[in-house]
Amino acid sequence: MSVAKVTEIISSSSKSFDDAVENGIKRASKTLKGITGAWVADQKVTVNDGKIEEYRVVLKVTFILAD
């Protein structure tokens, strides 16, 4: 029997929402082992002088707890 846990992380990118997701999963994989999935819980942008400065995502990351 395995037990999973969900943790929330916030990630950002100056390029796109997709890149922010990629950055978040890449970084989470350095610390969390056994990641099985993730979903985007929220998205937002920061704006400066009418231009998008940063894309941000809130990710819910699912991983299996070690025995």
Protein backbone atom coordinates (compact mmCIF):
# COMPACT_ATOMS: atom_id res chain seq x y z
CA MET A 1 0.00 0.00 0.00
CA SER A 2 1.33 3.44 -0.83
CA VAL A 3 0.43 6.80 0.64
CA ALA A 4 0.54 10.03 -1.35
CA LYS A 5 0.89 13.61 -0.19
CA VAL A 6 -0.01 16.87 -1.94
CA THR A 7 2.05 20.00 -1.40
CA GLU A 8 1.56 23.48 -2.79
CA ILE A 9 4.33 25.43 -4.49
CA ILE A 10 4.50 28.77 -6.29
CA SER A 11 6.67 29.15 -9.36
CA SER A 12 7.35 31.96 -11.81
CA SER A 13 8.79 32.72 -15.23
CA SER A 14 9.40 35.78 -17.34
CA LYS A 15 8.44 33.78 -20.48
CA SER A 16 5.08 32.01 -20.02
CA PHE A 17 2.74 30.06 -17.77
CA ASP A 18 4.02 26.82 -19.33
CA ASP A 19 7.58 27.77 -18.47
CA ALA A 20 6.54 28.60 -14.91
CA VAL A 21 5.03 25.11 -14.57
CA GLU A 22 8.20 23.52 -16.00
CA ASN A 23 10.36 25.54 -13.57
CA GLY A 24 8.19 24.51 -10.62
CA ILE A 25 8.27 20.80 -11.41
CA LYS A 26 12.00 20.87 -12.15
CA ARG A 27 12.76 22.55 -8.83
CA ALA A 28 10.32 20.41 -6.82
CA SER A 29 11.96 17.26 -8.25
CA LYS A 30 15.23 18.23 -6.58
CA THR A 31 13.64 17.91 -3.14
CA LEU A 32 10.55 15.73 -3.54
CA LYS A 33 11.05 12.15 -4.69
CA GLY A 34 8.29 10.10 -6.26
CA ILE A 35 6.33 12.93 -7.90
CA THR A 36 3.41 11.39 -9.77
CA GLY A 37 1.52 14.47 -10.94
CA ALA A 38 0.61 18.10 -10.48
CA TRP A 39 -2.18 20.51 -11.33
CA VAL A 40 -2.31 24.26 -11.71
CA ALA A 41 -4.47 25.63 -8.91
CA ASP A 42 -4.07 29.31 -9.85
CA GLN A 43 -2.38 31.61 -12.35
CA LYS A 44 -1.54 35.28 -12.22
CA VAL A 45 0.72 37.83 -13.87
CA THR A 46 2.57 40.84 -12.57
CA VAL A 47 2.36 43.93 -14.77
CA ASN A 48 4.70 46.90 -15.05
CA ASP A 49 4.04 49.85 -17.41
CA GLY A 50 1.29 47.91 -19.18
CA LYS A 51 3.52 44.93 -19.97
CA ILE A 52 3.54 41.48 -18.39
CA GLU A 53 6.61 41.27 -16.20
CA GLU A 54 6.20 37.80 -14.70
CA TYR A 55 3.94 34.75 -15.02
CA ARG A 56 3.16 32.96 -11.75
CA VAL A 57 1.49 29.63 -11.06
CA VAL A 58 0.36 27.89 -7.91
CA LEU A 59 0.94 24.16 -8.32
CA LYS A 60 -0.44 21.29 -6.27
CA VAL A 61 2.22 18.58 -6.53
CA THR A 62 1.42 14.95 -5.68
CA PHE A 63 4.17 12.58 -4.55
CA ILE A 64 4.37 9.13 -2.96
CA LEU A 65 5.70 8.96 0.58
CA ALA A 66 8.70 6.64 1.04
CA ASP A 67 8.27 3.47 3.10
